[in-house]
Amino acid sequence: MNPLKINPATQFASLPPVVEMRPSAKETDGENFGSLLKSFVQDVDKLQHDAADVEKKFLSGEISDVHQVMIAAEEASVAFELLMEIRNKLIESYKEIIRTPA
Protein backbone atom coordinates (compact mmCIF):
# COMPACT_ATOMS: atom_id res chain seq x y z
CA MET A 1 0.00 0.00 0.00
CA ASN A 2 1.11 3.53 -0.70
CA PRO A 3 1.00 5.81 2.32
CA LEU A 4 -0.82 9.08 1.82
CA LYS A 5 1.72 11.85 1.45
CA ILE A 6 0.66 15.34 2.46
CA ASN A 7 2.66 18.39 1.62
CA PRO A 8 2.49 20.70 4.67
CA ALA A 9 2.68 23.77 2.42
CA THR A 10 -0.49 22.85 0.52
CA GLN A 11 -2.29 20.84 3.19
CA PHE A 12 -4.76 23.61 4.05
CA ALA A 13 -4.71 25.47 0.74
CA SER A 14 -8.27 24.49 -0.15
CA LEU A 15 -9.77 25.51 3.19
CA PRO A 16 -11.56 28.87 3.43
CA PRO A 17 -9.79 31.60 5.40
CA VAL A 18 -10.58 31.81 9.10
CA VAL A 19 -12.46 34.90 10.18
CA GLU A 20 -10.67 36.90 12.83
CA MET A 21 -13.02 37.06 15.83
CA ARG A 22 -10.84 39.39 17.87
CA PRO A 23 -11.28 43.07 17.07
CA SER A 24 -8.01 44.86 16.44
CA ALA A 25 -6.96 47.91 18.43
CA LYS A 26 -7.99 50.04 15.45
CA GLU A 27 -11.52 48.64 15.38
CA THR A 28 -12.21 49.19 19.06
CA ASP A 29 -10.81 52.75 19.16
CA GLY A 30 -9.77 52.37 22.79
CA GLU A 31 -13.00 50.66 23.77
CA ASN A 32 -12.54 48.57 26.90
CA PHE A 33 -14.03 45.17 27.68
CA GLY A 34 -16.72 46.62 29.94
CA SER A 35 -18.13 48.92 27.28
CA LEU A 36 -17.91 46.15 24.69
CA LEU A 37 -19.87 43.81 26.96
CA LYS A 38 -22.40 46.55 27.74
CA SER A 39 -23.01 47.20 24.03
CA PHE A 40 -23.47 43.45 23.44
CA VAL A 41 -26.05 43.26 26.24
CA GLN A 42 -27.88 46.23 24.70
CA ASP A 43 -27.84 44.53 21.29
CA VAL A 44 -29.29 41.35 22.76
CA ASP A 45 -31.99 43.39 24.51
CA LYS A 46 -32.84 45.14 21.25
CA LEU A 47 -33.10 41.80 19.42
CA GLN A 48 -35.48 40.50 22.09
CA HIS A 49 -37.66 43.62 21.88
CA ASP A 50 -37.66 43.47 18.08
CA ALA A 51 -38.72 39.81 18.18
CA ALA A 52 -41.56 40.67 20.56
CA ASP A 53 -42.67 43.50 18.24
CA VAL A 54 -42.66 41.19 15.20
CA GLU A 55 -44.70 38.64 17.17
CA LYS A 56 -47.26 41.30 18.15
CA LYS A 57 -47.52 42.43 14.53
CA PHE A 58 -48.06 38.84 13.43
CA LEU A 59 -50.78 38.30 16.02
CA SER A 60 -52.51 41.53 15.03
CA GLY A 61 -52.39 40.58 11.34
CA GLU A 62 -49.96 43.26 10.17
CA ILE A 63 -47.45 40.56 9.16
CA SER A 64 -48.67 37.40 7.44
CA ASP A 65 -45.30 35.69 6.97
CA VAL A 66 -44.64 33.34 9.87
CA HIS A 67 -41.04 32.96 8.70
CA GLN A 68 -40.24 36.54 9.73
CA VAL A 69 -41.54 35.79 13.21
CA MET A 70 -39.52 32.58 13.50
CA ILE A 71 -36.32 34.22 12.23
CA ALA A 72 -36.62 37.15 14.65
CA ALA A 73 -37.33 34.80 17.57
CA GLU A 74 -34.41 32.52 16.68
CA GLU A 75 -31.99 35.44 16.31
CA ALA A 76 -32.98 36.70 19.75
CA SER A 77 -32.68 33.21 21.22
CA VAL A 78 -29.22 32.55 19.77
CA ALA A 79 -27.94 35.95 20.91
CA PHE A 80 -29.27 35.35 24.42
CA GLU A 81 -27.68 31.89 24.58
CA LEU A 82 -24.34 33.40 23.53
CA LEU A 83 -24.68 36.06 26.20
CA MET A 84 -25.33 33.40 28.85
CA GLU A 85 -22.29 31.41 27.72
CA ILE A 86 -20.14 34.52 27.95
CA ARG A 87 -21.49 35.17 31.45
CA ASN A 88 -20.76 31.57 32.47
CA LYS A 89 -17.19 31.78 31.16
CA LEU A 90 -16.62 35.07 32.97
CA ILE A 91 -17.87 33.60 36.25
CA GLU A 92 -15.74 30.50 35.70
CA SER A 93 -12.67 32.68 35.02
CA TYR A 94 -13.34 34.83 38.09
CA LYS A 95 -13.57 31.74 40.30
CA GLU A 96 -10.32 30.41 38.83
CA ILE A 97 -8.57 33.73 39.55
CA ILE A 98 -9.87 33.69 43.14
CA ARG A 99 -8.52 30.14 43.64
CA THR A 100 -5.09 31.09 42.32
CA PRO A 101 -2.64 31.64 45.19
CA ALA A 102 -1.00 35.06 45.37
PDB file of N, CA and C in Angstrom:
ATOM      1  N   MET A   1       0.825  -1.185   0.000  1.00  0.00           N
ATOM      2  CA  MET A   1       0.000   0.000   0.000  1.00  0.00           C
ATOM      3  C   MET A   1       0.866   1.243   0.000  1.00  0.00           C
ATOM      4  N   ASN A   2       0.403   2.261  -0.669  1.00  0.00           N
ATOM      5  CA  ASN A   2       1.109   3.533  -0.700  1.00  0.00           C
ATOM      6  C   ASN A   2       0.584   4.424   0.417  1.00  0.00           C
ATOM      7  N   PRO A   3       1.469   4.895   1.281  1.00  0.00           N
ATOM      8  CA  PRO A   3       1.002   5.814   2.320  1.00  0.00           C
ATOM      9  C   PRO A   3       0.615   7.156   1.698  1.00  0.00           C
ATOM     10  N   LEU A   4      -0.354   7.782   2.291  1.00  0.00           N
ATOM     11  CA  LEU A   4      -0.821   9.075   1.818  1.00  0.00           C
ATOM     12  C   LEU A   4       0.196  10.134   2.193  1.00  0.00           C
ATOM     13  N   LYS A   5       0.725  10.815   1.196  1.00  0.00           N
ATOM     14  CA  LYS A   5       1.716  11.850   1.449  1.00  0.00           C
ATOM     15  C   LYS A   5       1.037  13.209   1.375  1.00  0.00           C
ATOM     16  N   ILE A   6       1.252  14.006   2.400  1.00  0.00           N
ATOM     17  CA  ILE A   6       0.660  15.340   2.462  1.00  0.00           C
ATOM     18  C   ILE A   6       1.768  16.362   2.514  1.00  0.00           C
ATOM     19  N   ASN A   7       1.699  17.295   1.639  1.00  0.00           N
ATOM     20  CA  ASN A   7       2.663  18.391   1.618  1.00  0.00           C
ATOM     21  C   ASN A   7       2.180  19.444   2.607  1.00  0.00           C
ATOM     22  N   PRO A   8       2.933  19.725   3.678  1.00  0.00           N
ATOM     23  CA  PRO A   8       2.486  20.703   4.665  1.00  0.00           C
ATOM     24  C   PRO A   8       2.203  22.083   4.088  1.00  0.00           C
ATOM     25  N   ALA A   9       2.883  22.438   3.006  1.00  0.00           N
ATOM     26  CA  ALA A   9       2.685  23.772   2.419  1.00  0.00           C
ATOM     27  C   ALA A   9       1.316  23.899   1.755  1.00  0.00           C
ATOM     28  N   THR A  10       0.790  22.799   1.214  1.00  0.00           N
ATOM     29  CA  THR A  10      -0.494  22.850   0.516  1.00  0.00           C
ATOM     30  C   THR A  10      -1.604  22.122   1.264  1.00  0.00           C
ATOM     31  N   GLN A  11      -1.331  21.646   2.430  1.00  0.00           N
ATOM     32  CA  GLN A  11      -2.288  20.842   3.187  1.00  0.00           C
ATOM     33  C   GLN A  11      -3.608  21.574   3.418  1.00  0.00           C
ATOM     34  N   PHE A  12      -3.556  22.862   3.739  1.00  0.00           N
ATOM     35  CA  PHE A  12      -4.755  23.613   4.051  1.00  0.00           C
ATOM     36  C   PHE A  12      -5.082  24.648   2.976  1.00  0.00           C
ATOM     37  N   ALA A  13      -4.516  24.482   1.800  1.00  0.00           N
ATOM     38  CA  ALA A  13      -4.707  25.472   0.738  1.00  0.00           C
ATOM     39  C   ALA A  13      -6.161  25.571   0.299  1.00  0.00           C
ATOM     40  N   SER A  14      -6.901  24.469   0.348  1.00  0.00           N
ATOM     41  CA  SER A  14      -8.274  24.492  -0.148  1.00  0.00           C
ATOM     42  C   SER A  14      -9.288  24.929   0.911  1.00  0.00           C
ATOM     43  N   LEU A  15      -8.850  25.108   2.142  1.00  0.00           N
ATOM     44  CA  LEU A  15      -9.765  25.514   3.195  1.00  0.00           C
ATOM     45  C   LEU A  15     -10.034  27.011   3.115  1.00  0.00           C
ATOM     46  N   PRO A  16     -11.269  27.431   3.454  1.00  0.00           N
ATOM     47  CA  PRO A  16     -11.562  28.869   3.432  1.00  0.00           C
ATOM     48  C   PRO A  16     -10.800  29.580   4.538  1.00  0.00           C
ATOM     49  N   PRO A  17     -10.526  30.867   4.370  1.00  0.00           N
ATOM     50  CA  PRO A  17      -9.789  31.598   5.403  1.00  0.00           C
ATOM     51  C   PRO A  17     -10.609  31.700   6.684  1.00  0.00           C
ATOM     52  N   VAL A  18      -9.932  31.707   7.799  1.00  0.00           N
ATOM     53  CA  VAL A  18     -10.579  31.812   9.096  1.00  0.00           C
ATOM     54  C   VAL A  18     -10.882  33.273   9.378  1.00  0.00           C
ATOM     55  N   VAL A  19     -12.069  33.534   9.851  1.00  0.00           N
ATOM     56  CA  VAL A  19     -12.464  34.904  10.177  1.00  0.00           C
ATOM     57  C   VAL A  19     -11.874  35.270  11.525  1.00  0.00           C
ATOM     58  N   GLU A  20     -11.251  36.408  11.587  1.00  0.00           N
ATOM     59  CA  GLU A  20     -10.670  36.902  12.831  1.00  0.00           C
ATOM     60  C   GLU A  20     -11.791  37.355  13.746  1.00  0.00           C
ATOM     61  N   MET A  21     -11.954  36.720  14.898  1.00  0.00           N
ATOM     62  CA  MET A  21     -13.018  37.058  15.831  1.00  0.00           C
ATOM     63  C   MET A  21     -12.620  38.191  16.767  1.00  0.00           C
ATOM     64  N   ARG A  22     -11.330  38.370  16.959  1.00  0.00           N
ATOM     65  CA  ARG A  22     -10.839  39.388  17.870  1.00  0.00           C
ATOM     66  C   ARG A  22     -10.770  40.732  17.177  1.00  0.00           C
ATOM     67  N   PRO A  23     -11.417  41.768  17.711  1.00  0.00           N
ATOM     68  CA  PRO A  23     -11.275  43.072  17.073  1.00  0.00           C
ATOM     69  C   PRO A  23      -9.872  43.616  17.305  1.00  0.00           C
ATOM     70  N   SER A  24      -9.342  44.277  16.298  1.00  0.00           N
ATOM     71  CA  SER A  24      -8.014  44.861  16.443  1.00  0.00           C
ATOM     72  C   SER A  24      -8.117  46.151  17.253  1.00  0.00           C
ATOM     73  N   ALA A  25      -6.985  46.668  17.657  1.00  0.00           N
ATOM     74  CA  ALA A  25      -6.965  47.907  18.429  1.00  0.00           C
ATOM     75  C   ALA A  25      -7.575  49.048  17.625  1.00  0.00           C
ATOM     76  N   LYS A  26      -7.416  49.014  16.308  1.00  0.00           N
ATOM     77  CA  LYS A  26      -7.986  50.043  15.446  1.00  0.00           C
ATOM     78  C   LYS A  26      -9.509  50.006  15.478  1.00  0.00           C
ATOM     79  N   GLU A  27     -10.073  48.791  15.438  1.00  0.00           N
ATOM     80  CA  GLU A  27     -11.518  48.639  15.377  1.00  0.00           C
ATOM     81  C   GLU A  27     -12.206  49.058  16.670  1.00  0.00           C
ATOM     82  N   THR A  28     -11.560  48.869  17.798  1.00  0.00           N
ATOM     83  CA  THR A  28     -12.206  49.192  19.064  1.00  0.00           C
ATOM     84  C   THR A  28     -12.035  50.644  19.451  1.00  0.00           C
ATOM     85  N   ASP A  29     -11.068  51.332  18.847  1.00  0.00           N
ATOM     86  CA  ASP A  29     -10.814  52.746  19.155  1.00  0.00           C
ATOM     87  C   ASP A  29     -10.717  53.000  20.657  1.00  0.00           C
ATOM     88  N   GLY A  30      -9.975  52.178  21.354  1.00  0.00           N
ATOM     89  CA  GLY A  30      -9.775  52.368  22.787  1.00  0.00           C
ATOM     90  C   GLY A  30     -10.925  51.866  23.636  1.00  0.00           C
ATOM     91  N   GLU A  31     -11.861  51.167  23.037  1.00  0.00           N
ATOM     92  CA  GLU A  31     -13.005  50.656  23.771  1.00  0.00           C
ATOM     93  C   GLU A  31     -12.544  49.537  24.709  1.00  0.00           C
ATOM     94  N   ASN A  32     -12.959  49.598  25.965  1.00  0.00           N
ATOM     95  CA  ASN A  32     -12.538  48.567  26.903  1.00  0.00           C
ATOM     96  C   ASN A  32     -13.542  47.430  26.937  1.00  0.00           C
ATOM     97  N   PHE A  33     -13.198  46.370  27.637  1.00  0.00           N
ATOM     98  CA  PHE A  33     -14.028  45.172  27.677  1.00  0.00           C
ATOM     99  C   PHE A  33     -15.397  45.462  28.277  1.00  0.00           C
ATOM    100  N   GLY A  34     -15.450  46.297  29.295  1.00  0.00           N
ATOM    101  CA  GLY A  34     -16.723  46.619  29.938  1.00  0.00           C
ATOM    102  C   GLY A  34     -17.706  47.281  28.997  1.00  0.00           C
ATOM    103  N   SER A  35     -17.231  48.238  28.221  1.00  0.00           N
ATOM    104  CA  SER A  35     -18.135  48.917  27.285  1.00  0.00           C
ATOM    105  C   SER A  35     -18.519  48.002  26.124  1.00  0.00           C
ATOM    106  N   LEU A  36     -17.604  47.117  25.727  1.00  0.00           N
ATOM    107  CA  LEU A  36     -17.909  46.149  24.688  1.00  0.00           C
ATOM    108  C   LEU A  36     -19.001  45.190  25.162  1.00  0.00           C
ATOM    109  N   LEU A  37     -18.873  44.713  26.388  1.00  0.00           N
ATOM    110  CA  LEU A  37     -19.870  43.815  26.957  1.00  0.00           C
ATOM    111  C   LEU A  37     -21.211  44.521  27.122  1.00  0.00           C
ATOM    112  N   LYS A  38     -21.164  45.779  27.563  1.00  0.00           N
ATOM    113  CA  LYS A  38     -22.395  46.554  27.738  1.00  0.00           C
ATOM    114  C   LYS A  38     -23.120  46.727  26.405  1.00  0.00           C
ATOM    115  N   SER A  39     -22.377  47.026  25.341  1.00  0.00           N
ATOM    116  CA  SER A  39     -23.013  47.200  24.031  1.00  0.00           C
ATOM    117  C   SER A  39     -23.598  45.883  23.533  1.00  0.00           C
ATOM    118  N   PHE A  40     -22.942  44.753  23.835  1.00  0.00           N
ATOM    119  CA  PHE A  40     -23.471  43.453  23.438  1.00  0.00           C
ATOM    120  C   PHE A  40     -24.771  43.153  24.180  1.00  0.00           C
ATOM    121  N   VAL A  41     -24.819  43.467  25.463  1.00  0.00           N
ATOM    122  CA  VAL A  41     -26.050  43.261  26.241  1.00  0.00           C
ATOM    123  C   VAL A  41     -27.174  44.125  25.667  1.00  0.00           C
ATOM    124  N   GLN A  42     -26.867  45.355  25.294  1.00  0.00           N
ATOM    125  CA  GLN A  42     -27.877  46.230  24.697  1.00  0.00           C
ATOM    126  C   GLN A  42     -28.363  45.696  23.355  1.00  0.00           C
ATOM    127  N   ASP A  43     -27.452  45.124  22.570  1.00  0.00           N
ATOM    128  CA  ASP A  43     -27.835  44.535  21.286  1.00  0.00           C
ATOM    129  C   ASP A  43     -28.763  43.339  21.482  1.00  0.00           C
ATOM    130  N   VAL A  44     -28.454  42.505  22.477  1.00  0.00           N
ATOM    131  CA  VAL A  44     -29.295  41.347  22.762  1.00  0.00           C
ATOM    132  C   VAL A  44     -30.676  41.815  23.215  1.00  0.00           C
ATOM    133  N   ASP A  45     -30.714  42.838  24.049  1.00  0.00           N
ATOM    134  CA  ASP A  45     -31.985  43.386  24.513  1.00  0.00           C
ATOM    135  C   ASP A  45     -32.801  43.913  23.338  1.00  0.00           C
ATOM    136  N   LYS A  46     -32.142  44.611  22.427  1.00  0.00           N
ATOM    137  CA  LYS A  46     -32.839  45.145  21.252  1.00  0.00           C
ATOM    138  C   LYS A  46     -33.391  44.013  20.393  1.00  0.00           C
ATOM    139  N   LEU A  47     -32.617  42.948  20.199  1.00  0.00           N
ATOM    140  CA  LEU A  47     -33.096  41.804  19.421  1.00  0.00           C
ATOM    141  C   LEU A  47     -34.327  41.175  20.062  1.00  0.00           C
ATOM    142  N   GLN A  48     -34.335  41.084  21.400  1.00  0.00           N
ATOM    143  CA  GLN A  48     -35.483  40.502  22.087  1.00  0.00           C
ATOM    144  C   GLN A  48     -36.721  41.390  21.944  1.00  0.00           C
ATOM    145  N   HIS A  49     -36.529  42.697  22.050  1.00  0.00           N
ATOM    146  CA  HIS A  49     -37.658  43.619  21.879  1.00  0.00           C
ATOM    147  C   HIS A  49     -38.171  43.599  20.431  1.00  0.00           C
ATOM    148  N   ASP A  50     -37.256  43.536  19.480  1.00  0.00           N
ATOM    149  CA  ASP A  50     -37.659  43.469  18.076  1.00  0.00           C
ATOM    150  C   ASP A  50     -38.440  42.188  17.794  1.00  0.00           C
ATOM    151  N   ALA A  51     -38.003  41.074  18.369  1.00  0.00           N
ATOM    152  CA  ALA A  51     -38.715  39.807  18.183  1.00  0.00           C
ATOM    153  C   ALA A  51     -40.120  39.879  18.780  1.00  0.00           C
ATOM    154  N   ALA A  52     -40.244  40.514  19.935  1.00  0.00           N
ATOM    155  CA  ALA A  52     -41.559  40.674  20.555  1.00  0.00           C
ATOM    156  C   ALA A  52     -42.461  41.563  19.699  1.00  0.00           C
ATOM    157  N   ASP A  53     -41.899  42.615  19.109  1.00  0.00           N
ATOM    158  CA  ASP A  53     -42.674  43.498  18.240  1.00  0.00           C
ATOM    159  C   ASP A  53     -43.161  42.763  16.993  1.00  0.00           C
ATOM    160  N   VAL A  54     -42.283  41.959  16.395  1.00  0.00           N
ATOM    161  CA  VAL A  54     -42.664  41.194  15.202  1.00  0.00           C
ATOM    162  C   VAL A  54     -43.772  40.202  15.562  1.00  0.00           C
ATOM    163  N   GLU A  55     -43.662  39.586  16.732  1.00  0.00           N
ATOM    164  CA  GLU A  55     -44.695  38.637  17.172  1.00  0.00           C
ATOM    165  C   GLU A  55     -46.042  39.345  17.362  1.00  0.00           C
ATOM    166  N   LYS A  56     -46.019  40.528  17.966  1.00  0.00           N
ATOM    167  CA  LYS A  56     -47.259  41.298  18.153  1.00  0.00           C
ATOM    168  C   LYS A  56     -47.873  41.675  16.806  1.00  0.00           C
ATOM    169  N   LYS A  57     -47.030  42.078  15.851  1.00  0.00           N
ATOM    170  CA  LYS A  57     -47.520  42.431  14.527  1.00  0.00           C
ATOM    171  C   LYS A  57     -48.126  41.219  13.823  1.00  0.00           C
ATOM    172  N   PHE A  58     -47.531  40.065  14.027  1.00  0.00           N
ATOM    173  CA  PHE A  58     -48.063  38.836  13.430  1.00  0.00           C
ATOM    174  C   PHE A  58     -49.420  38.498  14.036  1.00  0.00           C
ATOM    175  N   LEU A  59     -49.517  38.616  15.357  1.00  0.00           N
ATOM    176  CA  LEU A  59     -50.779  38.297  16.021  1.00  0.00           C
ATOM    177  C   LEU A  59     -51.883  39.291  15.671  1.00  0.00           C
ATOM    178  N   SER A  60     -51.505  40.530  15.387  1.00  0.00           N
ATOM    179  CA  SER A  60     -52.513  41.530  15.030  1.00  0.00           C
ATOM    180  C   SER A  60     -52.851  41.490  13.537  1.00  0.00           C
ATOM    181  N   GLY A  61     -52.099  40.724  12.753  1.00  0.00           N
ATOM    182  CA  GLY A  61     -52.391  40.580  11.336  1.00  0.00           C
ATOM    183  C   GLY A  61     -51.607  41.512  10.431  1.00  0.00           C
ATOM    184  N   GLU A  62     -50.759  42.345  10.986  1.00  0.00           N
ATOM    185  CA  GLU A  62     -49.957  43.260  10.166  1.00  0.00           C
ATOM    186  C   GLU A  62     -48.932  42.505   9.323  1.00  0.00           C
ATOM    187  N   ILE A  63     -48.420  41.398   9.865  1.00  0.00           N
ATOM    188  CA  ILE A  63     -47.448  40.556   9.158  1.00  0.00           C
ATOM    189  C   ILE A  63     -48.106  39.194   8.944  1.00  0.00           C
ATOM    190  N   SER A  64     -48.059  38.709   7.702  1.00  0.00           N
ATOM    191  CA  SER A  64     -48.670  37.403   7.436  1.00  0.00           C
ATOM    192  C   SER A  64     -47.630  36.296   7.262  1.00  0.00           C
ATOM    193  N   ASP A  65     -46.365  36.675   7.182  1.00  0.00           N
ATOM    194  CA  ASP A  65     -45.301  35.695   6.966  1.00  0.00           C
ATOM    195  C   ASP A  65     -44.775  35.186   8.310  1.00  0.00           C
ATOM    196  N   VAL A  66     -45.072  33.933   8.607  1.00  0.00           N
ATOM    197  CA  VAL A  66     -44.635  33.339   9.868  1.00  0.00           C
ATOM    198  C   VAL A  66     -43.114  33.166   9.918  1.00  0.00           C
ATOM    199  N   HIS A  67     -42.489  33.123   8.739  1.00  0.00           N
ATOM    200  CA  HIS A  67     -41.036  32.962   8.695  1.00  0.00           C
ATOM    201  C   HIS A  67     -40.318  34.156   9.316  1.00  0.00           C
ATOM    202  N   GLN A  68     -40.834  35.350   9.113  1.00  0.00           N
ATOM    203  CA  GLN A  68     -40.237  36.540   9.727  1.00  0.00           C
ATOM    204  C   GLN A  68     -40.276  36.434  11.238  1.00  0.00           C
ATOM    205  N   VAL A  69     -41.380  35.932  11.757  1.00  0.00           N
ATOM    206  CA  VAL A  69     -41.537  35.788  13.205  1.00  0.00           C
ATOM    207  C   VAL A  69     -40.546  34.762  13.740  1.00  0.00           C
ATOM    208  N   MET A  70     -40.433  33.642  13.058  1.00  0.00           N
ATOM    209  CA  MET A  70     -39.523  32.584  13.503  1.00  0.00           C
ATOM    210  C   MET A  70     -38.063  33.027  13.424  1.00  0.00           C
ATOM    211  N   ILE A  71     -37.710  33.754  12.382  1.00  0.00           N
ATOM    212  CA  ILE A  71     -36.324  34.224  12.229  1.00  0.00           C
ATOM    213  C   ILE A  71     -35.976  35.214  13.331  1.00  0.00           C
ATOM    214  N   ALA A  72     -36.876  36.153  13.596  1.00  0.00           N
ATOM    215  CA  ALA A  72     -36.623  37.151  14.650  1.00  0.00           C
ATOM    216  C   ALA A  72     -36.500  36.473  16.012  1.00  0.00           C
ATOM    217  N   ALA A  73     -37.379  35.500  16.283  1.00  0.00           N
ATOM    218  CA  ALA A  73     -37.330  34.796  17.568  1.00  0.00           C
ATOM    219  C   ALA A  73     -36.051  33.981  17.704  1.00  0.00           C
ATOM    220  N   GLU A  74     -35.629  33.344  16.632  1.00  0.00           N
ATOM    221  CA  GLU A  74     -34.409  32.522  16.678  1.00  0.00           C
ATOM    222  C   GLU A  74     -33.170  33.383  16.832  1.00  0.00           C
ATOM    223  N   GLU A  75     -33.125  34.530  16.155  1.00  0.00           N
ATOM    224  CA  GLU A  75     -31.986  35.443  16.314  1.00  0.00           C
ATOM    225  C   GLU A  75     -31.860  35.902  17.762  1.00  0.00           C
ATOM    226  N   ALA A  76     -32.987  36.265  18.359  1.00  0.00           N
ATOM    227  CA  ALA A  76     -32.976  36.704  19.755  1.00  0.00           C
ATOM    228  C   ALA A  76     -32.550  35.566  20.677  1.00  0.00           C
ATOM    229  N   SER A  77     -33.013  34.366  20.393  1.00  0.00           N
ATOM    230  CA  SER A  77     -32.677  33.213  21.221  1.00  0.00           C
ATOM    231  C   SER A  77     -31.186  32.875  21.150  1.00  0.00           C
ATOM    232  N   VAL A  78     -30.640  32.873  19.948  1.00  0.00           N
ATOM    233  CA  VAL A  78     -29.216  32.552  19.772  1.00  0.00           C
ATOM    234  C   VAL A  78     -28.344  33.613  20.436  1.00  0.00           C
ATOM    235  N   ALA A  79     -28.711  34.872  20.282  1.00  0.00           N
ATOM    236  CA  ALA A  79     -27.942  35.946  20.906  1.00  0.00           C
ATOM    237  C   ALA A  79     -27.985  35.840  22.428  1.00  0.00           C
ATOM    238  N   PHE A  80     -29.145  35.493  22.975  1.00  0.00           N
ATOM    239  CA  PHE A  80     -29.269  35.348  24.419  1.00  0.00           C
ATOM    240  C   PHE A  80     -28.450  34.161  24.928  1.00  0.00           C
ATOM    241  N   GLU A  81     -28.479  33.055  24.189  1.00  0.00           N
ATOM    242  CA  GLU A  81     -27.677  31.887  24.577  1.00  0.00           C
ATOM    243  C   GLU A  81     -26.190  32.221  24.573  1.00  0.00           C
ATOM    244  N   LEU A  82     -25.742  32.980  23.573  1.00  0.00           N
ATOM    245  CA  LEU A  82     -24.339  33.397  23.526  1.00  0.00           C
ATOM    246  C   LEU A  82     -24.005  34.277  24.714  1.00  0.00           C
ATOM    247  N   LEU A  83     -24.895  35.193  25.052  1.00  0.00           N
ATOM    248  CA  LEU A  83     -24.682  36.065  26.203  1.00  0.00           C
ATOM    249  C   LEU A  83     -24.561  35.251  27.494  1.00  0.00           C
ATOM    250  N   MET A  84     -25.392  34.239  27.653  1.00  0.00           N
ATOM    251  CA  MET A  84     -25.332  33.395  28.849  1.00  0.00           C
ATOM    252  C   MET A  84     -24.034  32.587  28.899  1.00  0.00           C
ATOM    253  N   GLU A  85     -23.560  32.131  27.750  1.00  0.00           N
ATOM    254  CA  GLU A  85     -22.289  31.405  27.720  1.00  0.00           C
ATOM    255  C   GLU A  85     -21.124  32.323  28.070  1.00  0.00           C
ATOM    256  N   ILE A  86     -21.177  33.555  27.595  1.00  0.00           N
ATOM    257  CA  ILE A  86     -20.139  34.524  27.947  1.00  0.00           C
ATOM    258  C   ILE A  86     -20.161  34.783  29.448  1.00  0.00           C
ATOM    259  N   ARG A  87     -21.355  34.954  29.997  1.00  0.00           N
ATOM    260  CA  ARG A  87     -21.491  35.165  31.448  1.00  0.00           C
ATOM    261  C   ARG A  87     -20.917  33.978  32.218  1.00  0.00           C
ATOM    262  N   ASN A  88     -21.254  32.764  31.783  1.00  0.00           N
ATOM    263  CA  ASN A  88     -20.758  31.567  32.469  1.00  0.00           C
ATOM    264  C   ASN A  88     -19.234  31.489  32.423  1.00  0.00           C
ATOM    265  N   LYS A  89     -18.655  31.812  31.277  1.00  0.00           N
ATOM    266  CA  LYS A  89     -17.190  31.783  31.161  1.00  0.00           C
ATOM    267  C   LYS A  89     -16.542  32.857  32.032  1.00  0.00           C
ATOM    268  N   LEU A  90     -17.161  34.018  32.107  1.00  0.00           N
ATOM    269  CA  LEU A  90     -16.622  35.075  32.973  1.00  0.00           C
ATOM    270  C   LEU A  90     -16.661  34.653  34.443  1.00  0.00           C
ATOM    271  N   ILE A  91     -17.757  34.061  34.869  1.00  0.00           N
ATOM    272  CA  ILE A  91     -17.866  33.599  36.255  1.00  0.00           C
ATOM    273  C   ILE A  91     -16.851  32.502  36.526  1.00  0.00           C
ATOM    274  N   GLU A  92     -16.715  31.585  35.577  1.00  0.00           N
ATOM    275  CA  GLU A  92     -15.744  30.501  35.704  1.00  0.00           C
ATOM    276  C   GLU A  92     -14.319  31.070  35.817  1.00  0.00           C
ATOM    277  N   SER A  93     -14.000  32.054  34.992  1.00  0.00           N
ATOM    278  CA  SER A  93     -12.674  32.680  35.019  1.00  0.00           C
ATOM    279  C   SER A  93     -12.437  33.412  36.332  1.00  0.00           C
ATOM    280  N   TYR A  94     -13.456  34.110  36.815  1.00  0.00           N
ATOM    281  CA  TYR A  94     -13.336  34.825  38.088  1.00  0.00           C
ATOM    282  C   TYR A  94     -13.059  33.844  39.226  1.00  0.00           C
ATOM    283  N   LYS A  95     -13.780  32.740  39.255  1.00  0.00           N
ATOM    284  CA  LYS A  95     -13.569  31.737  40.298  1.00  0.00           C
ATOM    285  C   LYS A  95     -12.167  31.152  40.232  1.00  0.00           C
ATOM    286  N   GLU A  96     -11.677  30.952  39.004  1.00  0.00           N
ATOM    287  CA  GLU A  96     -10.318  30.415  38.832  1.00  0.00           C
ATOM    288  C   GLU A  96      -9.286  31.419  39.332  1.00  0.00           C
ATOM    289  N   ILE A  97      -9.493  32.695  39.065  1.00  0.00           N
ATOM    290  CA  ILE A  97      -8.570  33.725  39.550  1.00  0.00           C
ATOM    291  C   ILE A  97      -8.577  33.780  41.068  1.00  0.00           C
ATOM    292  N   ILE A  98      -9.748  33.658  41.672  1.00  0.00           N
ATOM    293  CA  ILE A  98      -9.868  33.688  43.141  1.00  0.00           C
ATOM    294  C   ILE A  98      -9.134  32.491  43.759  1.00  0.00           C
ATOM    295  N   ARG A  99      -9.193  31.334  43.098  1.00  0.00           N
ATOM    296  CA  ARG A  99      -8.521  30.137  43.639  1.00  0.00           C
ATOM    297  C   ARG A  99      -7.017  30.178  43.474  1.00  0.00           C
ATOM    298  N   THR A 100      -6.520  31.028  42.581  1.00  0.00           N
ATOM    299  CA  THR A 100      -5.088  31.094  42.318  1.00  0.00           C
ATOM    300  C   THR A 100      -4.378  31.743  43.521  1.00  0.00           C
ATOM    301  N   PRO A 101      -3.362  31.052  44.062  1.00  0.00           N
ATOM    302  CA  PRO A 101      -2.638  31.638  45.195  1.00  0.00           C
ATOM    303  C   PRO A 101      -1.830  32.865  44.765  1.00  0.00           C
ATOM    304  N   ALA A 102      -1.701  33.800  45.690  1.00  0.00           N
ATOM    305  CA  ALA A 102      -1.000  35.059  45.367  1.00  0.00           C
ATOM    306  C   ALA A 102       0.479  34.893  45.310  1.00  0.00           C
TER     307      ALA A 102
END
